[in-house]
């Protein structure tokens, strides 16, 4: 079963920094730790400086030996934008008439450039959809898992650093981890 994740994403389709340069920068600020695979990492020594957990103090296993539900970070620089959603994601609304898009996930997963409203016929580009905090559509994604919805937020320092690296505004959502 896919793990819940805090998903940081570029809001605009900006140029990707070199993968190695981005990894080096995220390691230098202490977000990323030891690599487990090309784009999969343990948390770094400054992880809790960049990610704030809300509410009661969570018991978070940070290494695989402690639990198979250990905290991990996936860094994804994709060739094309992909849809990342939570199980409870609501359909976005047409920007013109506010009608919900019925088959939005299937259409965006099928590489459609946007969605056409079944009610008014207006086309909304994928970048203009208001997906809320339970979905995102991006080529540049960092997923931190397991993190349940509303359990943690990224620091402004981390979002600012990502915005510098990508020359794009960054936001966050709560989605399911894509393995």
Foldseek 3Di string as FASTA:
>chain_A
DFAKWKKKAFLDAFDADPLVVVVVVCVVVFQFDDAPDSFKGFGGPCNCVFKPFDDDDDDAARDVVVDVQHKMKGWFQAPAKAKFFAPPFFFFADPPPRHGDDPVNVCVRVVHQFDADPPPRDTDGQSRTDRDQGMDIHNTMMIIPNDAPPGMDTDPVVQVVVCVNRVGHMDIHIGTDDD
